[in-house]
Amino acid sequence: MWDMQGTVASFDETTRSGHLLTDQGMSITFAAESLADHIRHLRIGQRVFVETDGPTDTASSISIFPTPR
């Protein structure tokens, strides 16, 4: 289940990490490991689905469309 949706605020193509802003206004960082297999590139302003492990400011999983788990 996807916890929330957000918008990509930054993305480093070299490290494949960055941060996003959720619809609730929270800033969340993400590492390359959190990107779903289908993601090759993210652009600033792109909408994404975000899953976190509890109340945290770090994403555990990011997808550009909701995939069944």
PDB file of N, CA and C in Angstrom:
ATOM      1  N   MET A   1       0.843  -1.183   0.000  1.00  0.00           N
ATOM      2  CA  MET A   1       0.000   0.000   0.000  1.00  0.00           C
ATOM      3  C   MET A   1       0.887   1.245   0.000  1.00  0.00           C
ATOM      4  N   TRP A   2       0.555   2.179  -0.821  1.00  0.00           N
ATOM      5  CA  TRP A   2       1.324   3.415  -0.901  1.00  0.00           C
ATOM      6  C   TRP A   2       0.800   4.386   0.136  1.00  0.00           C
ATOM      7  N   ASP A   3       1.723   4.912   0.952  1.00  0.00           N
ATOM      8  CA  ASP A   3       1.361   5.802   2.053  1.00  0.00           C
ATOM      9  C   ASP A   3       0.845   7.149   1.574  1.00  0.00           C
ATOM     10  N   MET A   4       1.500   7.701   0.551  1.00  0.00           N
ATOM     11  CA  MET A   4       1.176   9.066   0.128  1.00  0.00           C
ATOM     12  C   MET A   4       1.686   9.322  -1.280  1.00  0.00           C
ATOM     13  N   GLN A   5       1.366  10.498  -1.781  1.00  0.00           N
ATOM     14  CA  GLN A   5       1.870  10.945  -3.074  1.00  0.00           C
ATOM     15  C   GLN A   5       2.680  12.209  -2.861  1.00  0.00           C
ATOM     16  N   GLY A   6       3.563  12.479  -3.814  1.00  0.00           N
ATOM     17  CA  GLY A   6       4.380  13.674  -3.698  1.00  0.00           C
ATOM     18  C   GLY A   6       4.927  14.109  -5.041  1.00  0.00           C
ATOM     19  N   THR A   7       5.759  15.140  -5.003  1.00  0.00           N
ATOM     20  CA  THR A   7       6.364  15.726  -6.191  1.00  0.00           C
ATOM     21  C   THR A   7       7.873  15.760  -6.007  1.00  0.00           C
ATOM     22  N   VAL A   8       8.602  15.323  -7.032  1.00  0.00           N
ATOM     23  CA  VAL A   8      10.061  15.312  -6.969  1.00  0.00           C
ATOM     24  C   VAL A   8      10.571  16.750  -6.901  1.00  0.00           C
ATOM     25  N   ALA A   9      11.391  17.051  -5.887  1.00  0.00           N
ATOM     26  CA  ALA A   9      11.968  18.384  -5.719  1.00  0.00           C
ATOM     27  C   ALA A   9      13.413  18.421  -6.196  1.00  0.00           C
ATOM     28  N   SER A  10      14.130  17.297  -6.067  1.00  0.00           N
ATOM     29  CA  SER A  10      15.501  17.214  -6.571  1.00  0.00           C
ATOM     30  C   SER A  10      15.821  15.761  -6.895  1.00  0.00           C
ATOM     31  N   PHE A  11      16.712  15.563  -7.866  1.00  0.00           N
ATOM     32  CA  PHE A  11      17.137  14.216  -8.244  1.00  0.00           C
ATOM     33  C   PHE A  11      18.545  14.302  -8.801  1.00  0.00           C
ATOM     34  N   ASP A  12      19.472  13.541  -8.221  1.00  0.00           N
ATOM     35  CA  ASP A  12      20.857  13.486  -8.671  1.00  0.00           C
ATOM     36  C   ASP A  12      21.010  12.251  -9.554  1.00  0.00           C
ATOM     37  N   GLU A  13      21.241  12.450 -10.845  1.00  0.00           N
ATOM     38  CA  GLU A  13      21.335  11.330 -11.779  1.00  0.00           C
ATOM     39  C   GLU A  13      22.522  10.421 -11.490  1.00  0.00           C
ATOM     40  N   THR A  14      23.577  10.951 -10.885  1.00  0.00           N
ATOM     41  CA  THR A  14      24.757  10.148 -10.582  1.00  0.00           C
ATOM     42  C   THR A  14      24.494   9.186  -9.425  1.00  0.00           C
ATOM     43  N   THR A  15      23.945   9.696  -8.332  1.00  0.00           N
ATOM     44  CA  THR A  15      23.690   8.854  -7.158  1.00  0.00           C
ATOM     45  C   THR A  15      22.289   8.250  -7.168  1.00  0.00           C
ATOM     46  N   ARG A  16      21.408   8.766  -8.044  1.00  0.00           N
ATOM     47  CA  ARG A  16      20.005   8.341  -8.139  1.00  0.00           C
ATOM     48  C   ARG A  16      19.266   8.568  -6.818  1.00  0.00           C
ATOM     49  N   SER A  17      19.645   9.623  -6.106  1.00  0.00           N
ATOM     50  CA  SER A  17      18.987   9.975  -4.850  1.00  0.00           C
ATOM     51  C   SER A  17      18.444  11.394  -4.960  1.00  0.00           C
ATOM     52  N   GLY A  18      17.643  11.789  -3.992  1.00  0.00           N
ATOM     53  CA  GLY A  18      17.095  13.136  -4.016  1.00  0.00           C
ATOM     54  C   GLY A  18      16.105  13.340  -2.898  1.00  0.00           C
ATOM     55  N   HIS A  19      15.208  14.290  -3.106  1.00  0.00           N
ATOM     56  CA  HIS A  19      14.141  14.488  -2.132  1.00  0.00           C
ATOM     57  C   HIS A  19      12.874  14.926  -2.839  1.00  0.00           C
ATOM     58  N   LEU A  20      11.771  14.759  -2.141  1.00  0.00           N
ATOM     59  CA  LEU A  20      10.473  15.123  -2.694  1.00  0.00           C
ATOM     60  C   LEU A  20       9.649  15.798  -1.625  1.00  0.00           C
ATOM     61  N   LEU A  21       8.595  16.447  -2.064  1.00  0.00           N
ATOM     62  CA  LEU A  21       7.639  17.085  -1.160  1.00  0.00           C
ATOM     63  C   LEU A  21       6.316  16.346  -1.278  1.00  0.00           C
ATOM     64  N   THR A  22       5.798  15.892  -0.145  1.00  0.00           N
ATOM     65  CA  THR A  22       4.526  15.182  -0.163  1.00  0.00           C
ATOM     66  C   THR A  22       3.376  16.173  -0.304  1.00  0.00           C
ATOM     67  N   ASP A  23       2.212  15.660  -0.616  1.00  0.00           N
ATOM     68  CA  ASP A  23       1.023  16.505  -0.718  1.00  0.00           C
ATOM     69  C   ASP A  23       0.675  17.135   0.631  1.00  0.00           C
ATOM     70  N   GLN A  24       1.177  16.550   1.720  1.00  0.00           N
ATOM     71  CA  GLN A  24       0.952  17.092   3.055  1.00  0.00           C
ATOM     72  C   GLN A  24       2.006  18.138   3.430  1.00  0.00           C
ATOM     73  N   GLY A  25       2.966  18.411   2.523  1.00  0.00           N
ATOM     74  CA  GLY A  25       3.980  19.427   2.757  1.00  0.00           C
ATOM     75  C   GLY A  25       5.239  18.947   3.449  1.00  0.00           C
ATOM     76  N   MET A  26       5.388  17.630   3.626  1.00  0.00           N
ATOM     77  CA  MET A  26       6.559  17.074   4.293  1.00  0.00           C
ATOM     78  C   MET A  26       7.672  16.814   3.277  1.00  0.00           C
ATOM     79  N   SER A  27       8.906  17.146   3.642  1.00  0.00           N
ATOM     80  CA  SER A  27      10.066  16.878   2.795  1.00  0.00           C
ATOM     81  C   SER A  27      10.594  15.487   3.122  1.00  0.00           C
ATOM     82  N   ILE A  28      10.744  14.649   2.100  1.00  0.00           N
ATOM     83  CA  ILE A  28      11.214  13.277   2.278  1.00  0.00           C
ATOM     84  C   ILE A  28      12.420  13.046   1.383  1.00  0.00           C
ATOM     85  N   THR A  29      13.475  12.480   1.948  1.00  0.00           N
ATOM     86  CA  THR A  29      14.657  12.123   1.161  1.00  0.00           C
ATOM     87  C   THR A  29      14.514  10.687   0.677  1.00  0.00           C
ATOM     88  N   PHE A  30      15.203  10.384  -0.427  1.00  0.00           N
ATOM     89  CA  PHE A  30      15.201   9.005  -0.908  1.00  0.00           C
ATOM     90  C   PHE A  30      16.567   8.646  -1.475  1.00  0.00           C
ATOM     91  N   ALA A  31      16.920   7.384  -1.316  1.00  0.00           N
ATOM     92  CA  ALA A  31      18.164   6.834  -1.850  1.00  0.00           C
ATOM     93  C   ALA A  31      17.844   6.008  -3.088  1.00  0.00           C
ATOM     94  N   ALA A  32      18.849   5.667  -3.849  1.00  0.00           N
ATOM     95  CA  ALA A  32      18.660   4.881  -5.070  1.00  0.00           C
ATOM     96  C   ALA A  32      17.940   3.566  -4.783  1.00  0.00           C
ATOM     97  N   GLU A  33      18.207   2.976  -3.629  1.00  0.00           N
ATOM     98  CA  GLU A  33      17.602   1.690  -3.276  1.00  0.00           C
ATOM     99  C   GLU A  33      16.084   1.765  -3.133  1.00  0.00           C
ATOM    100  N   SER A  34      15.546   2.946  -2.906  1.00  0.00           N
ATOM    101  CA  SER A  34      14.100   3.082  -2.720  1.00  0.00           C
ATOM    102  C   SER A  34      13.338   3.189  -4.038  1.00  0.00           C
ATOM    103  N   LEU A  35      14.050   3.392  -5.148  1.00  0.00           N
ATOM    104  CA  LEU A  35      13.382   3.541  -6.441  1.00  0.00           C
ATOM    105  C   LEU A  35      12.919   2.188  -6.967  1.00  0.00           C
ATOM    106  N   ALA A  36      11.691   2.130  -7.452  1.00  0.00           N
ATOM    107  CA  ALA A  36      11.168   0.906  -8.049  1.00  0.00           C
ATOM    108  C   ALA A  36      11.979   0.555  -9.292  1.00  0.00           C
ATOM    109  N   ASP A  37      11.987  -0.733  -9.636  1.00  0.00           N
ATOM    110  CA  ASP A  37      12.779  -1.218 -10.773  1.00  0.00           C
ATOM    111  C   ASP A  37      12.450  -0.517 -12.081  1.00  0.00           C
ATOM    112  N   HIS A  38      11.201  -0.082 -12.258  1.00  0.00           N
ATOM    113  CA  HIS A  38      10.806   0.533 -13.529  1.00  0.00           C
ATOM    114  C   HIS A  38      11.285   1.980 -13.668  1.00  0.00           C
ATOM    115  N   ILE A  39      11.843   2.568 -12.621  1.00  0.00           N
ATOM    116  CA  ILE A  39      12.276   3.970 -12.684  1.00  0.00           C
ATOM    117  C   ILE A  39      13.716   4.058 -13.175  1.00  0.00           C
ATOM    118  N   ARG A  40      13.904   4.733 -14.299  1.00  0.00           N
ATOM    119  CA  ARG A  40      15.239   4.960 -14.856  1.00  0.00           C
ATOM    120  C   ARG A  40      15.696   6.396 -14.629  1.00  0.00           C
ATOM    121  N   HIS A  41      14.735   7.311 -14.548  1.00  0.00           N
ATOM    122  CA  HIS A  41      15.039   8.729 -14.379  1.00  0.00           C
ATOM    123  C   HIS A  41      13.831   9.408 -13.745  1.00  0.00           C
ATOM    124  N   LEU A  42      14.090  10.422 -12.931  1.00  0.00           N
ATOM    125  CA  LEU A  42      13.032  11.265 -12.383  1.00  0.00           C
ATOM    126  C   LEU A  42      13.315  12.699 -12.777  1.00  0.00           C
ATOM    127  N   ARG A  43      12.268  13.466 -12.991  1.00  0.00           N
ATOM    128  CA  ARG A  43      12.459  14.881 -13.319  1.00  0.00           C
ATOM    129  C   ARG A  43      11.797  15.734 -12.237  1.00  0.00           C
ATOM    130  N   ILE A  44      12.324  16.921 -12.055  1.00  0.00           N
ATOM    131  CA  ILE A  44      11.773  17.850 -11.075  1.00  0.00           C
ATOM    132  C   ILE A  44      10.308  18.113 -11.424  1.00  0.00           C
ATOM    133  N   GLY A  45       9.437  18.033 -10.442  1.00  0.00           N
ATOM    134  CA  GLY A  45       8.009  18.255 -10.658  1.00  0.00           C
ATOM    135  C   GLY A  45       7.226  16.996 -10.974  1.00  0.00           C
ATOM    136  N   GLN A  46       7.903  15.876 -11.173  1.00  0.00           N
ATOM    137  CA  GLN A  46       7.215  14.627 -11.497  1.00  0.00           C
ATOM    138  C   GLN A  46       6.470  14.100 -10.275  1.00  0.00           C
ATOM    139  N   ARG A  47       5.254  13.607 -10.485  1.00  0.00           N
ATOM    140  CA  ARG A  47       4.439  13.037  -9.415  1.00  0.00           C
ATOM    141  C   ARG A  47       4.863  11.598  -9.164  1.00  0.00           C
ATOM    142  N   VAL A  48       4.928  11.213  -7.887  1.00  0.00           N
ATOM    143  CA  VAL A  48       5.324   9.859  -7.515  1.00  0.00           C
ATOM    144  C   VAL A  48       4.468   9.361  -6.353  1.00  0.00           C
ATOM    145  N   PHE A  49       4.455   8.055  -6.192  1.00  0.00           N
ATOM    146  CA  PHE A  49       3.827   7.404  -5.050  1.00  0.00           C
ATOM    147  C   PHE A  49       4.940   7.030  -4.085  1.00  0.00           C
ATOM    148  N   VAL A  50       4.708   7.242  -2.794  1.00  0.00           N
ATOM    149  CA  VAL A  50       5.754   7.075  -1.785  1.00  0.00           C
ATOM    150  C   VAL A  50       5.281   6.136  -0.680  1.00  0.00           C
ATOM    151  N   GLU A  51       6.168   5.249  -0.275  1.00  0.00           N
ATOM    152  CA  GLU A  51       5.923   4.384   0.873  1.00  0.00           C
ATOM    153  C   GLU A  51       7.035   4.632   1.881  1.00  0.00           C
ATOM    154  N   THR A  52       6.673   4.762   3.148  1.00  0.00           N
ATOM    155  CA  THR A  52       7.665   4.962   4.207  1.00  0.00           C
ATOM    156  C   THR A  52       7.516   3.860   5.246  1.00  0.00           C
ATOM    157  N   ASP A  53       8.545   3.688   6.047  1.00  0.00           N
ATOM    158  CA  ASP A  53       8.489   2.739   7.161  1.00  0.00           C
ATOM    159  C   ASP A  53       8.190   3.509   8.434  1.00  0.00           C
ATOM    160  N   GLY A  54       6.923   3.715   8.702  1.00  0.00           N
ATOM    161  CA  GLY A  54       6.539   4.451   9.902  1.00  0.00           C
ATOM    162  C   GLY A  54       6.720   5.948   9.746  1.00  0.00           C
ATOM    163  N   PRO A  55       6.659   6.670  10.867  1.00  0.00           N
ATOM    164  CA  PRO A  55       6.813   8.133  10.822  1.00  0.00           C
ATOM    165  C   PRO A  55       8.284   8.507  10.620  1.00  0.00           C
ATOM    166  N   THR A  56       8.652   8.725   9.384  1.00  0.00           N
ATOM    167  CA  THR A  56      10.045   9.010   9.054  1.00  0.00           C
ATOM    168  C   THR A  56      10.113  10.019   7.928  1.00  0.00           C
ATOM    169  N   ASP A  57      11.259  10.629   7.749  1.00  0.00           N
ATOM    170  CA  ASP A  57      11.438  11.558   6.636  1.00  0.00           C
ATOM    171  C   ASP A  57      12.262  10.927   5.519  1.00  0.00           C
ATOM    172  N   THR A  58      12.299   9.578   5.493  1.00  0.00           N
ATOM    173  CA  THR A  58      13.021   8.848   4.456  1.00  0.00           C
ATOM    174  C   THR A  58      12.077   7.861   3.779  1.00  0.00           C
ATOM    175  N   ALA A  59      12.085   7.845   2.453  1.00  0.00           N
ATOM    176  CA  ALA A  59      11.221   6.943   1.697  1.00  0.00           C
ATOM    177  C   ALA A  59      11.813   5.541   1.666  1.00  0.00           C
ATOM    178  N   SER A  60      10.965   4.536   1.815  1.00  0.00           N
ATOM    179  CA  SER A  60      11.416   3.156   1.681  1.00  0.00           C
ATOM    180  C   SER A  60      11.172   2.645   0.270  1.00  0.00           C
ATOM    181  N   SER A  61      10.196   3.240  -0.433  1.00  0.00           N
ATOM    182  CA  SER A  61       9.891   2.821  -1.796  1.00  0.00           C
ATOM    183  C   SER A  61       9.220   3.968  -2.548  1.00  0.00           C
ATOM    184  N   ILE A  62       9.617   4.135  -3.817  1.00  0.00           N
ATOM    185  CA  ILE A  62       9.046   5.175  -4.675  1.00  0.00           C
ATOM    186  C   ILE A  62       8.673   4.549  -6.010  1.00  0.00           C
ATOM    187  N   SER A  63       7.496   4.878  -6.505  1.00  0.00           N
ATOM    188  CA  SER A  63       7.024   4.375  -7.788  1.00  0.00           C
ATOM    189  C   SER A  63       6.375   5.518  -8.557  1.00  0.00           C
ATOM    190  N   ILE A  64       6.422   5.440  -9.898  1.00  0.00           N
ATOM    191  CA  ILE A  64       5.750   6.477 -10.674  1.00  0.00           C
ATOM    192  C   ILE A  64       4.312   6.089 -10.989  1.00  0.00           C
ATOM    193  N   PHE A  65       3.942   4.881 -10.657  1.00  0.00           N
ATOM    194  CA  PHE A  65       2.539   4.490 -10.701  1.00  0.00           C
ATOM    195  C   PHE A  65       2.335   3.431  -9.632  1.00  0.00           C
ATOM    196  N   PRO A  66       1.118   3.330  -9.078  1.00  0.00           N
ATOM    197  CA  PRO A  66       0.900   2.383  -7.988  1.00  0.00           C
ATOM    198  C   PRO A  66       0.924   0.949  -8.492  1.00  0.00           C
ATOM    199  N   THR A  67       1.877   0.183  -8.033  1.00  0.00           N
ATOM    200  CA  THR A  67       1.976  -1.217  -8.429  1.00  0.00           C
ATOM    201  C   THR A  67       1.495  -2.093  -7.289  1.00  0.00           C
ATOM    202  N   PRO A  68       0.827  -3.193  -7.605  1.00  0.00           N
ATOM    203  CA  PRO A  68       0.377  -4.081  -6.534  1.00  0.00           C
ATOM    204  C   PRO A  68       1.577  -4.695  -5.822  1.00  0.00           C
ATOM    205  N   ARG A  69       1.461  -4.878  -4.538  1.00  0.00           N
ATOM    206  CA  ARG A  69       2.555  -5.480  -3.757  1.00  0.00           C
ATOM    207  C   ARG A  69       2.141  -6.828  -3.266  1.00  0.00           C
TER     208      ARG A  69
END
